[in-house]
Amino acid sequence: MAIIDQEFLLFLAQLPAAPSSARVALWRRLRGAGAASLLNGAWVLPRTDQHAALLAQAAETVREQAGSAMVLVIHEMRSTERESIVARFQTDRAREYGEFEDRMRAFLAEIERETRRQKFTFAELEEIEDGLKKLSAWLKKIRTRDFFPSADSQAAVETLERCRAAFMIFADAVCSHEGVALPDDLDGNAKTPVR
């Protein structure tokens, strides 16, 4: 569906002031799904069956906690409002991609540092591989909630590929240092594929 035709779900919620844990849990759940905050207690998601089910469950949870909630479908809006909503989604994802890029740079710096130190041990290889798996899983989560992708998405995929390549070079150095062949199942791919 083109952005111009995209319908949205508007989630409105109000929870009691105490305990604050209910508001924090709701905030985390909505942010985890990629919802954009419009105003205090007002969230928006692109209209999909999955998002409708999520917001219906969230509304029920809010009501169980003595709050009020409703889910509205936005069929039509002015183009400036639509652009503002899409910009909020893109700003949120740009922030996440920026944090992700920082972590990938740190990952590459760690491999470079351990290579300079010639710390070619299986323990170090396992630690670096775990880091790569975490990066892969994190990117998958970001891209799942990236409803209006920008160039940041493709740049992150390309940088992750550089991380995989650096990992494979390091793995080869470890295996060479330890006098063993590089395992066939070690391909630099964390088990979570990137779409």
N, C-alpha and C. Protein backbone atom coordinates (compact mmCIF):
# COMPACT_ATOMS: atom_id res chain seq x y z
N MET A 1 0.85 -1.18 0.00
CA MET A 1 0.00 0.00 0.00
C MET A 1 0.89 1.24 0.00
N ALA A 2 0.63 2.17 -0.87
CA ALA A 2 1.41 3.40 -0.93
C ALA A 2 1.15 4.23 0.32
N ILE A 3 2.12 5.04 0.68
CA ILE A 3 1.99 5.88 1.87
C ILE A 3 0.74 6.74 1.77
N ILE A 4 0.46 7.25 0.60
CA ILE A 4 -0.68 8.14 0.41
C ILE A 4 -1.99 7.42 0.74
N ASP A 5 -2.06 6.10 0.54
CA ASP A 5 -3.27 5.32 0.78
C ASP A 5 -3.27 4.65 2.16
N GLN A 6 -2.17 4.76 2.88
CA GLN A 6 -2.03 4.05 4.15
C GLN A 6 -3.07 4.52 5.16
N GLU A 7 -3.80 3.58 5.72
CA GLU A 7 -4.70 3.88 6.82
C GLU A 7 -3.94 3.62 8.11
N PHE A 8 -4.36 4.29 9.17
CA PHE A 8 -3.69 4.16 10.46
C PHE A 8 -4.68 3.78 11.54
N LEU A 9 -4.15 3.17 12.59
CA LEU A 9 -4.91 2.89 13.80
C LEU A 9 -4.44 3.87 14.87
N LEU A 10 -5.39 4.54 15.48
CA LEU A 10 -5.08 5.49 16.55
C LEU A 10 -5.46 4.85 17.87
N PHE A 11 -4.51 4.75 18.77
CA PHE A 11 -4.73 4.15 20.09
C PHE A 11 -4.69 5.25 21.13
N LEU A 12 -5.78 5.39 21.86
CA LEU A 12 -5.88 6.39 22.92
C LEU A 12 -6.01 5.67 24.25
N ALA A 13 -5.15 6.01 25.20
CA ALA A 13 -5.17 5.32 26.49
C ALA A 13 -4.91 6.29 27.62
N GLN A 14 -5.59 6.04 28.72
CA GLN A 14 -5.36 6.80 29.94
C GLN A 14 -5.35 5.81 31.09
N LEU A 15 -4.26 5.84 31.84
CA LEU A 15 -4.10 4.93 32.97
C LEU A 15 -4.03 5.75 34.26
N PRO A 16 -4.39 5.14 35.39
CA PRO A 16 -4.24 5.84 36.67
C PRO A 16 -2.78 6.23 36.90
N ALA A 17 -2.56 7.27 37.68
CA ALA A 17 -1.20 7.76 37.94
C ALA A 17 -0.34 6.71 38.63
N ALA A 18 -0.96 5.90 39.48
CA ALA A 18 -0.18 4.88 40.19
C ALA A 18 -0.86 3.53 39.98
N PRO A 19 -0.15 2.49 39.82
CA PRO A 19 1.31 2.44 39.78
C PRO A 19 1.84 2.85 38.40
N SER A 20 3.00 3.43 38.38
CA SER A 20 3.59 3.87 37.10
C SER A 20 4.04 2.70 36.24
N SER A 21 4.20 1.52 36.85
CA SER A 21 4.66 0.35 36.10
C SER A 21 3.71 0.00 34.96
N ALA A 22 2.41 0.26 35.13
CA ALA A 22 1.45 -0.04 34.06
C ALA A 22 1.70 0.85 32.85
N ARG A 23 1.98 2.13 33.08
CA ARG A 23 2.27 3.05 31.96
C ARG A 23 3.58 2.67 31.27
N VAL A 24 4.57 2.30 32.06
CA VAL A 24 5.86 1.90 31.49
C VAL A 24 5.70 0.63 30.66
N ALA A 25 4.94 -0.33 31.16
CA ALA A 25 4.73 -1.58 30.42
C ALA A 25 4.01 -1.31 29.11
N LEU A 26 2.99 -0.43 29.15
CA LEU A 26 2.27 -0.09 27.93
C LEU A 26 3.19 0.61 26.96
N TRP A 27 3.98 1.56 27.44
CA TRP A 27 4.93 2.28 26.59
C TRP A 27 5.89 1.31 25.92
N ARG A 28 6.45 0.38 26.68
CA ARG A 28 7.40 -0.58 26.12
C ARG A 28 6.75 -1.47 25.07
N ARG A 29 5.52 -1.90 25.34
CA ARG A 29 4.82 -2.77 24.40
C ARG A 29 4.55 -2.05 23.08
N LEU A 30 4.09 -0.81 23.17
CA LEU A 30 3.80 -0.05 21.96
C LEU A 30 5.07 0.31 21.20
N ARG A 31 6.11 0.72 21.90
CA ARG A 31 7.38 1.04 21.24
C ARG A 31 7.98 -0.20 20.59
N GLY A 32 7.85 -1.33 21.26
CA GLY A 32 8.36 -2.58 20.70
C GLY A 32 7.67 -2.97 19.41
N ALA A 33 6.41 -2.56 19.28
CA ALA A 33 5.66 -2.84 18.05
C ALA A 33 5.93 -1.80 16.97
N GLY A 34 6.64 -0.72 17.34
CA GLY A 34 6.95 0.32 16.37
C GLY A 34 5.97 1.47 16.35
N ALA A 35 5.06 1.53 17.34
CA ALA A 35 4.07 2.62 17.38
C ALA A 35 4.77 3.96 17.57
N ALA A 36 4.20 4.97 16.95
CA ALA A 36 4.70 6.34 17.10
C ALA A 36 3.78 7.08 18.06
N SER A 37 4.37 7.83 18.96
CA SER A 37 3.61 8.62 19.91
C SER A 37 3.24 9.95 19.28
N LEU A 38 1.95 10.26 19.30
CA LEU A 38 1.49 11.54 18.75
C LEU A 38 1.40 12.59 19.85
N LEU A 39 0.77 12.22 20.94
CA LEU A 39 0.60 13.07 22.12
C LEU A 39 0.65 12.14 23.32
N ASN A 40 0.62 12.70 24.50
CA ASN A 40 0.59 11.88 25.70
C ASN A 40 -0.65 10.98 25.67
N GLY A 41 -0.43 9.68 25.63
CA GLY A 41 -1.54 8.73 25.62
C GLY A 41 -2.13 8.46 24.25
N ALA A 42 -1.55 9.02 23.20
CA ALA A 42 -2.05 8.81 21.84
C ALA A 42 -0.93 8.20 20.99
N TRP A 43 -1.22 7.03 20.42
CA TRP A 43 -0.24 6.29 19.64
C TRP A 43 -0.85 5.93 18.29
N VAL A 44 0.01 5.74 17.30
CA VAL A 44 -0.48 5.40 15.98
C VAL A 44 0.39 4.28 15.39
N LEU A 45 -0.29 3.41 14.64
CA LEU A 45 0.36 2.33 13.90
C LEU A 45 -0.31 2.22 12.54
N PRO A 46 0.43 1.76 11.53
CA PRO A 46 -0.23 1.48 10.25
C PRO A 46 -1.32 0.42 10.47
N ARG A 47 -2.38 0.53 9.73
CA ARG A 47 -3.49 -0.41 9.90
C ARG A 47 -3.15 -1.75 9.26
N THR A 48 -3.03 -2.76 10.10
CA THR A 48 -2.88 -4.15 9.67
C THR A 48 -3.67 -5.00 10.66
N ASP A 49 -3.97 -6.23 10.28
CA ASP A 49 -4.67 -7.13 11.20
C ASP A 49 -3.85 -7.37 12.46
N GLN A 50 -2.55 -7.53 12.29
CA GLN A 50 -1.67 -7.78 13.43
C GLN A 50 -1.67 -6.59 14.38
N HIS A 51 -1.60 -5.38 13.84
CA HIS A 51 -1.61 -4.19 14.70
C HIS A 51 -2.97 -4.00 15.37
N ALA A 52 -4.03 -4.32 14.65
CA ALA A 52 -5.37 -4.21 15.24
C ALA A 52 -5.50 -5.16 16.43
N ALA A 53 -5.00 -6.38 16.30
CA ALA A 53 -5.06 -7.36 17.39
C ALA A 53 -4.20 -6.88 18.57
N LEU A 54 -3.02 -6.38 18.29
CA LEU A 54 -2.13 -5.89 19.34
C LEU A 54 -2.80 -4.75 20.12
N LEU A 55 -3.37 -3.79 19.41
CA LEU A 55 -3.99 -2.65 20.08
C LEU A 55 -5.27 -3.05 20.82
N ALA A 56 -6.01 -4.01 20.30
CA ALA A 56 -7.19 -4.51 21.02
C ALA A 56 -6.77 -5.16 22.34
N GLN A 57 -5.68 -5.93 22.31
CA GLN A 57 -5.16 -6.54 23.53
C GLN A 57 -4.65 -5.48 24.50
N ALA A 58 -3.96 -4.48 23.97
CA ALA A 58 -3.45 -3.40 24.82
C ALA A 58 -4.60 -2.64 25.47
N ALA A 59 -5.67 -2.38 24.70
CA ALA A 59 -6.83 -1.69 25.25
C ALA A 59 -7.46 -2.50 26.37
N GLU A 60 -7.57 -3.80 26.18
CA GLU A 60 -8.13 -4.66 27.21
C GLU A 60 -7.26 -4.63 28.47
N THR A 61 -5.96 -4.67 28.30
CA THR A 61 -5.04 -4.61 29.44
C THR A 61 -5.20 -3.29 30.19
N VAL A 62 -5.32 -2.19 29.46
CA VAL A 62 -5.50 -0.88 30.08
C VAL A 62 -6.79 -0.87 30.90
N ARG A 63 -7.86 -1.39 30.35
CA ARG A 63 -9.15 -1.42 31.06
C ARG A 63 -9.08 -2.29 32.31
N GLU A 64 -8.34 -3.40 32.23
CA GLU A 64 -8.17 -4.28 33.40
C GLU A 64 -7.41 -3.58 34.52
N GLN A 65 -6.66 -2.54 34.17
CA GLN A 65 -5.87 -1.79 35.16
C GLN A 65 -6.56 -0.48 35.53
N ALA A 66 -7.88 -0.46 35.41
CA ALA A 66 -8.72 0.67 35.78
C ALA A 66 -8.49 1.91 34.92
N GLY A 67 -8.03 1.70 33.71
CA GLY A 67 -7.84 2.81 32.78
C GLY A 67 -8.89 2.79 31.70
N SER A 68 -8.77 3.71 30.77
CA SER A 68 -9.67 3.73 29.62
C SER A 68 -8.84 3.73 28.35
N ALA A 69 -9.38 3.08 27.31
CA ALA A 69 -8.65 2.99 26.05
C ALA A 69 -9.62 2.79 24.90
N MET A 70 -9.23 3.25 23.75
CA MET A 70 -10.00 3.00 22.54
C MET A 70 -9.06 2.96 21.35
N VAL A 71 -9.51 2.23 20.32
CA VAL A 71 -8.77 2.11 19.08
C VAL A 71 -9.66 2.66 17.97
N LEU A 72 -9.14 3.61 17.22
CA LEU A 72 -9.89 4.22 16.13
C LEU A 72 -9.15 3.99 14.82
N VAL A 73 -9.90 3.84 13.75
CA VAL A 73 -9.31 3.70 12.42
C VAL A 73 -9.33 5.07 11.76
N ILE A 74 -8.18 5.49 11.26
CA ILE A 74 -8.10 6.75 10.53
C ILE A 74 -8.09 6.43 9.05
N HIS A 75 -9.19 6.71 8.39
CA HIS A 75 -9.32 6.43 6.96
C HIS A 75 -8.78 7.57 6.11
N GLU A 76 -9.07 8.77 6.53
CA GLU A 76 -8.68 9.94 5.74
C GLU A 76 -8.03 10.97 6.62
N MET A 77 -7.10 11.70 6.03
CA MET A 77 -6.45 12.83 6.71
C MET A 77 -5.80 13.71 5.66
N ARG A 78 -5.48 14.90 6.05
CA ARG A 78 -4.79 15.80 5.13
C ARG A 78 -3.38 15.28 4.89
N SER A 79 -2.85 15.59 3.74
CA SER A 79 -1.51 15.09 3.38
C SER A 79 -0.46 15.61 4.36
N THR A 80 -0.60 16.81 4.88
CA THR A 80 0.39 17.33 5.84
C THR A 80 0.36 16.53 7.13
N GLU A 81 -0.82 16.11 7.56
CA GLU A 81 -0.92 15.28 8.77
C GLU A 81 -0.31 13.90 8.51
N ARG A 82 -0.60 13.34 7.35
CA ARG A 82 -0.04 12.03 7.00
C ARG A 82 1.49 12.10 6.97
N GLU A 83 2.01 13.15 6.33
CA GLU A 83 3.47 13.32 6.25
C GLU A 83 4.07 13.49 7.64
N SER A 84 3.37 14.17 8.53
CA SER A 84 3.85 14.35 9.90
C SER A 84 3.91 13.02 10.64
N ILE A 85 2.90 12.19 10.44
CA ILE A 85 2.89 10.87 11.09
C ILE A 85 4.01 10.00 10.54
N VAL A 86 4.15 9.96 9.23
CA VAL A 86 5.22 9.16 8.63
C VAL A 86 6.58 9.66 9.10
N ALA A 87 6.75 10.96 9.22
CA ALA A 87 8.01 11.53 9.69
C ALA A 87 8.32 11.08 11.12
N ARG A 88 7.28 10.95 11.95
CA ARG A 88 7.51 10.47 13.32
C ARG A 88 8.04 9.03 13.31
N PHE A 89 7.42 8.19 12.47
CA PHE A 89 7.92 6.82 12.35
C PHE A 89 9.37 6.81 11.88
N GLN A 90 9.67 7.59 10.86
CA GLN A 90 11.02 7.61 10.29
C GLN A 90 12.03 8.17 11.28
N THR A 91 11.64 9.15 12.07
CA THR A 91 12.54 9.70 13.09
C THR A 91 12.86 8.65 14.15
N ASP A 92 11.83 7.93 14.58
CA ASP A 92 12.05 6.87 15.57
C ASP A 92 13.00 5.80 15.04
N ARG A 93 12.77 5.37 13.79
CA ARG A 93 13.64 4.33 13.22
C ARG A 93 15.04 4.88 12.97
N ALA A 94 15.16 6.13 12.54
CA ALA A 94 16.49 6.72 12.31
C ALA A 94 17.30 6.71 13.61
N ARG A 95 16.63 6.98 14.72
CA ARG A 95 17.31 6.94 16.02
C ARG A 95 17.80 5.52 16.30
N GLU A 96 16.94 4.53 16.04
CA GLU A 96 17.34 3.14 16.27
C GLU A 96 18.48 2.72 15.34
N TYR A 97 18.38 3.09 14.06
CA TYR A 97 19.45 2.75 13.13
C TYR A 97 20.76 3.42 13.54
N GLY A 98 20.68 4.64 14.07
CA GLY A 98 21.88 5.33 14.53
C GLY A 98 22.54 4.57 15.68
N GLU A 99 21.73 4.12 16.65
CA GLU A 99 22.26 3.33 17.76
C GLU A 99 22.85 2.02 17.25
N PHE A 100 22.17 1.42 16.29
CA PHE A 100 22.64 0.17 15.70
C PHE A 100 23.99 0.37 15.01
N GLU A 101 24.11 1.44 14.24
CA GLU A 101 25.39 1.74 13.57
C GLU A 101 26.51 1.93 14.59
N ASP A 102 26.21 2.59 15.71
CA ASP A 102 27.22 2.77 16.77
C ASP A 102 27.69 1.42 17.29
N ARG A 103 26.74 0.51 17.52
CA ARG A 103 27.11 -0.82 18.01
C ARG A 103 27.92 -1.60 16.98
N MET A 104 27.57 -1.44 15.70
CA MET A 104 28.32 -2.15 14.67
C MET A 104 29.74 -1.62 14.56
N ARG A 105 29.88 -0.31 14.70
CA ARG A 105 31.25 0.26 14.69
C ARG A 105 32.05 -0.29 15.87
N ALA A 106 31.42 -0.40 17.03
CA ALA A 106 32.09 -0.96 18.20
C ALA A 106 32.46 -2.42 17.96
N PHE A 107 31.58 -3.17 17.30
CA PHE A 107 31.85 -4.57 16.98
C PHE A 107 33.07 -4.68 16.08
N LEU A 108 33.12 -3.88 15.02
CA LEU A 108 34.26 -3.90 14.09
C LEU A 108 35.53 -3.46 14.79
N ALA A 109 35.42 -2.48 15.69
CA ALA A 109 36.60 -2.01 16.43
C ALA A 109 37.12 -3.11 17.35
N GLU A 110 36.21 -3.90 17.94
CA GLU A 110 36.63 -5.00 18.81
C GLU A 110 37.41 -6.04 18.00
N ILE A 111 36.92 -6.39 16.83
CA ILE A 111 37.63 -7.36 15.99
C ILE A 111 39.00 -6.81 15.61
N GLU A 112 39.05 -5.55 15.25
CA GLU A 112 40.33 -4.93 14.89
C GLU A 112 41.30 -4.95 16.08
N ARG A 113 40.79 -4.61 17.27
CA ARG A 113 41.62 -4.59 18.47
C ARG A 113 42.16 -5.98 18.79
N GLU A 114 41.29 -7.00 18.74
CA GLU A 114 41.73 -8.36 19.06
C GLU A 114 42.67 -8.91 17.99
N THR A 115 42.50 -8.48 16.77
CA THR A 115 43.41 -8.89 15.71
C THR A 115 44.80 -8.28 15.94
N ARG A 116 44.82 -6.99 16.29
CA ARG A 116 46.12 -6.33 16.59
C ARG A 116 46.83 -7.03 17.74
N ARG A 117 46.06 -7.43 18.74
CA ARG A 117 46.63 -8.12 19.91
C ARG A 117 46.94 -9.58 19.61
N GLN A 118 46.49 -10.04 18.45
CA GLN A 118 46.61 -11.44 18.04
C GLN A 118 46.00 -12.37 19.09
N LYS A 119 44.85 -11.96 19.57
CA LYS A 119 44.11 -12.74 20.56
C LYS A 119 43.19 -13.72 19.82
N PHE A 120 43.82 -14.67 19.16
CA PHE A 120 43.11 -15.62 18.31
C PHE A 120 42.77 -16.88 19.11
N THR A 121 41.75 -16.75 19.98
CA THR A 121 41.33 -17.88 20.81
C THR A 121 39.88 -18.22 20.49
N PHE A 122 39.52 -19.47 20.78
CA PHE A 122 38.14 -19.88 20.55
C PHE A 122 37.18 -19.13 21.49
N ALA A 123 37.63 -18.81 22.70
CA ALA A 123 36.79 -18.05 23.63
C ALA A 123 36.47 -16.68 23.05
N GLU A 124 37.48 -16.03 22.48
CA GLU A 124 37.26 -14.71 21.87
C GLU A 124 36.36 -14.83 20.64
N LEU A 125 36.58 -15.87 19.85
CA LEU A 125 35.74 -16.10 18.67
C LEU A 125 34.28 -16.29 19.07
N GLU A 126 34.04 -17.07 20.13
CA GLU A 126 32.68 -17.30 20.59
C GLU A 126 32.03 -16.00 21.08
N GLU A 127 32.79 -15.18 21.78
CA GLU A 127 32.27 -13.89 22.25
C GLU A 127 31.90 -12.98 21.08
N ILE A 128 32.75 -12.96 20.08
CA ILE A 128 32.49 -12.13 18.90
C ILE A 128 31.29 -12.67 18.12
N GLU A 129 31.20 -14.00 18.01
CA GLU A 129 30.07 -14.59 17.32
C GLU A 129 28.76 -14.26 18.03
N ASP A 130 28.76 -14.31 19.37
CA ASP A 130 27.56 -13.94 20.14
C ASP A 130 27.18 -12.49 19.85
N GLY A 131 28.17 -11.62 19.76
CA GLY A 131 27.92 -10.21 19.44
C GLY A 131 27.28 -10.07 18.07
N LEU A 132 27.74 -10.85 17.10
CA LEU A 132 27.18 -10.80 15.75
C LEU A 132 25.73 -11.30 15.74
N LYS A 133 25.46 -12.35 16.50
CA LYS A 133 24.09 -12.86 16.59
C LYS A 133 23.16 -11.81 17.19
N LYS A 134 23.63 -11.12 18.21
CA LYS A 134 22.81 -10.07 18.83
C LYS A 134 22.55 -8.94 17.85
N LEU A 135 23.58 -8.55 17.11
CA LEU A 135 23.39 -7.49 16.11
C LEU A 135 22.37 -7.92 15.05
N SER A 136 22.47 -9.15 14.59
CA SER A 136 21.54 -9.65 13.56
C SER A 136 20.11 -9.66 14.07
N ALA A 137 19.92 -10.13 15.31
CA ALA A 137 18.57 -10.17 15.89
C ALA A 137 18.02 -8.76 16.09
N TRP A 138 18.88 -7.85 16.51
CA TRP A 138 18.44 -6.47 16.74
C TRP A 138 18.02 -5.82 15.42
N LEU A 139 18.81 -6.02 14.37
CA LEU A 139 18.46 -5.43 13.08
C LEU A 139 17.13 -6.01 12.59
N LYS A 140 16.91 -7.27 12.79
CA LYS A 140 15.64 -7.87 12.37
C LYS A 140 14.48 -7.19 13.08
N LYS A 141 14.62 -6.93 14.38
CA LYS A 141 13.56 -6.25 15.14
C LYS A 141 13.32 -4.84 14.61
N ILE A 142 14.39 -4.11 14.36
CA ILE A 142 14.24 -2.74 13.85
C ILE A 142 13.52 -2.76 12.51
N ARG A 143 13.95 -3.64 11.63
CA ARG A 143 13.37 -3.67 10.28
C ARG A 143 11.92 -4.13 10.31
N THR A 144 11.55 -4.95 11.29
CA THR A 144 10.16 -5.40 11.42
C THR A 144 9.24 -4.21 11.71
N ARG A 145 9.73 -3.24 12.47
CA ARG A 145 8.91 -2.07 12.80
C ARG A 145 9.25 -0.85 11.95
N ASP A 146 10.00 -1.05 10.89
CA ASP A 146 10.34 0.04 9.98
C ASP A 146 9.30 0.06 8.85
N PHE A 147 8.19 0.70 9.12
CA PHE A 147 7.05 0.67 8.21
C PHE A 147 7.24 1.56 6.99
N PHE A 148 8.12 2.54 7.08
CA PHE A 148 8.36 3.47 5.98
C PHE A 148 9.88 3.59 5.80
N PRO A 149 10.52 2.54 5.24
CA PRO A 149 11.99 2.46 5.19
C PRO A 149 12.63 3.63 4.43
N SER A 150 13.80 3.99 4.93
CA SER A 150 14.62 5.02 4.29
C SER A 150 15.96 4.38 3.93
N ALA A 151 16.89 5.20 3.50
CA ALA A 151 18.23 4.70 3.15
C ALA A 151 18.94 4.10 4.36
N ASP A 152 18.53 4.49 5.57
CA ASP A 152 19.15 3.97 6.79
C ASP A 152 19.04 2.45 6.87
N SER A 153 17.91 1.92 6.41
CA SER A 153 17.68 0.48 6.46
C SER A 153 18.71 -0.27 5.62
N GLN A 154 18.88 0.14 4.39
CA GLN A 154 19.83 -0.53 3.51
C GLN A 154 21.26 -0.35 4.00
N ALA A 155 21.58 0.83 4.52
CA ALA A 155 22.93 1.08 5.05
C ALA A 155 23.22 0.15 6.22
N ALA A 156 22.23 -0.09 7.07
CA ALA A 156 22.43 -0.99 8.21
C ALA A 156 22.67 -2.42 7.74
N VAL A 157 21.93 -2.87 6.73
CA VAL A 157 22.12 -4.21 6.18
C VAL A 157 23.53 -4.35 5.61
N GLU A 158 23.98 -3.33 4.90
CA GLU A 158 25.33 -3.37 4.31
C GLU A 158 26.41 -3.38 5.38
N THR A 159 26.22 -2.61 6.43
CA THR A 159 27.21 -2.60 7.52
C THR A 159 27.22 -3.93 8.25
N LEU A 160 26.04 -4.54 8.42
CA LEU A 160 26.00 -5.86 9.05
C LEU A 160 26.76 -6.88 8.21
N GLU A 161 26.66 -6.77 6.89
CA GLU A 161 27.42 -7.66 6.01
C GLU A 161 28.93 -7.45 6.20
N ARG A 162 29.35 -6.20 6.39
CA ARG A 162 30.77 -5.94 6.68
C ARG A 162 31.17 -6.58 8.00
N CYS A 163 30.28 -6.55 8.97
CA CYS A 163 30.55 -7.20 10.26
C CYS A 163 30.70 -8.71 10.08
N ARG A 164 29.82 -9.30 9.28
CA ARG A 164 29.91 -10.75 9.01
C ARG A 164 31.22 -11.09 8.32
N ALA A 165 31.61 -10.27 7.36
CA ALA A 165 32.87 -10.52 6.64
C ALA A 165 34.05 -10.41 7.59
N ALA A 166 34.05 -9.39 8.47
CA ALA A 166 35.13 -9.23 9.44
C ALA A 166 35.16 -10.41 10.40
N PHE A 167 33.99 -10.88 10.80
CA PHE A 167 33.91 -12.04 11.68
C PHE A 167 34.54 -13.26 11.01
N MET A 168 34.23 -13.48 9.74
CA MET A 168 34.77 -14.64 9.04
C MET A 168 36.29 -14.57 8.92
N ILE A 169 36.82 -13.39 8.67
CA ILE A 169 38.28 -13.22 8.60
C ILE A 169 38.89 -13.54 9.95
N PHE A 170 38.26 -13.04 11.03
CA PHE A 170 38.76 -13.32 12.37
C PHE A 170 38.65 -14.82 12.68
N ALA A 171 37.53 -15.44 12.31
CA ALA A 171 37.35 -16.88 12.55
C ALA A 171 38.42 -17.69 11.83
N ASP A 172 38.72 -17.29 10.59
CA ASP A 172 39.76 -17.97 9.83
C ASP A 172 41.12 -17.83 10.54
N ALA A 173 41.40 -16.65 11.08
CA ALA A 173 42.66 -16.43 11.79
C ALA A 173 42.72 -17.28 13.05
N VAL A 174 41.61 -17.38 13.78
CA VAL A 174 41.57 -18.21 15.00
C VAL A 174 41.82 -19.67 14.64
N CYS A 175 41.13 -20.17 13.63
CA CYS A 175 41.30 -21.57 13.23
C CYS A 175 42.71 -21.84 12.75
N SER A 176 43.27 -20.91 12.00
CA SER A 176 44.65 -21.05 11.53
C SER A 176 45.61 -21.07 12.72
N HIS A 177 45.41 -20.16 13.67
CA HIS A 177 46.27 -20.08 14.86
C HIS A 177 46.18 -21.36 15.70
N GLU A 178 44.97 -21.93 15.78
CA GLU A 178 44.75 -23.14 16.57
C GLU A 178 45.06 -24.41 15.79
N GLY A 179 45.34 -24.27 14.48
CA GLY A 179 45.70 -25.43 13.67
C GLY A 179 44.54 -26.33 13.31
N VAL A 180 43.36 -25.75 13.16
CA VAL A 180 42.19 -26.53 12.77
C VAL A 180 41.56 -25.88 11.54
N ALA A 181 40.77 -26.68 10.83
CA ALA A 181 40.08 -26.15 9.65
C ALA A 181 38.87 -25.33 10.09
N LEU A 182 38.53 -24.35 9.30
CA LEU A 182 37.35 -23.54 9.54
C LEU A 182 36.12 -24.44 9.40
N PRO A 183 35.25 -24.54 10.43
CA PRO A 183 34.07 -25.42 10.34
C PRO A 183 33.16 -25.02 9.18
N ASP A 184 32.55 -26.03 8.56
CA ASP A 184 31.63 -25.78 7.45
C ASP A 184 30.41 -24.98 7.88
N ASP A 185 29.96 -25.16 9.12
CA ASP A 185 28.73 -24.50 9.57
C ASP A 185 28.99 -23.08 10.09
N LEU A 186 30.22 -22.65 10.05
CA LEU A 186 30.55 -21.29 10.49
C LEU A 186 30.57 -20.41 9.25
N ASP A 187 29.48 -19.68 9.07
CA ASP A 187 29.38 -18.87 7.86
C ASP A 187 29.22 -17.38 8.15
N GLY A 188 29.33 -16.99 9.41
CA GLY A 188 29.19 -15.58 9.75
C GLY A 188 27.76 -15.12 9.80
N ASN A 189 26.85 -16.04 9.59
CA ASN A 189 25.44 -15.68 9.65
C ASN A 189 24.89 -16.06 11.02
N ALA A 190 24.42 -15.07 11.73
CA ALA A 190 23.70 -15.38 12.95
C ALA A 190 22.43 -16.10 12.48
N LYS A 191 21.91 -16.94 13.28
CA LYS A 191 20.81 -17.82 12.85
C LYS A 191 19.54 -17.05 12.52
N THR A 192 19.49 -15.76 12.78
CA THR A 192 18.31 -14.96 12.47
C THR A 192 18.54 -14.22 11.18
N PRO A 193 17.86 -14.61 10.09
CA PRO A 193 18.09 -13.94 8.81
C PRO A 193 17.52 -12.53 8.80
N VAL A 194 18.12 -11.66 8.00
CA VAL A 194 17.63 -10.30 7.82
C VAL A 194 16.79 -10.29 6.57
N ARG A 195 15.57 -9.73 6.66
CA ARG A 195 14.69 -9.71 5.48
C ARG A 195 15.18 -8.70 4.47
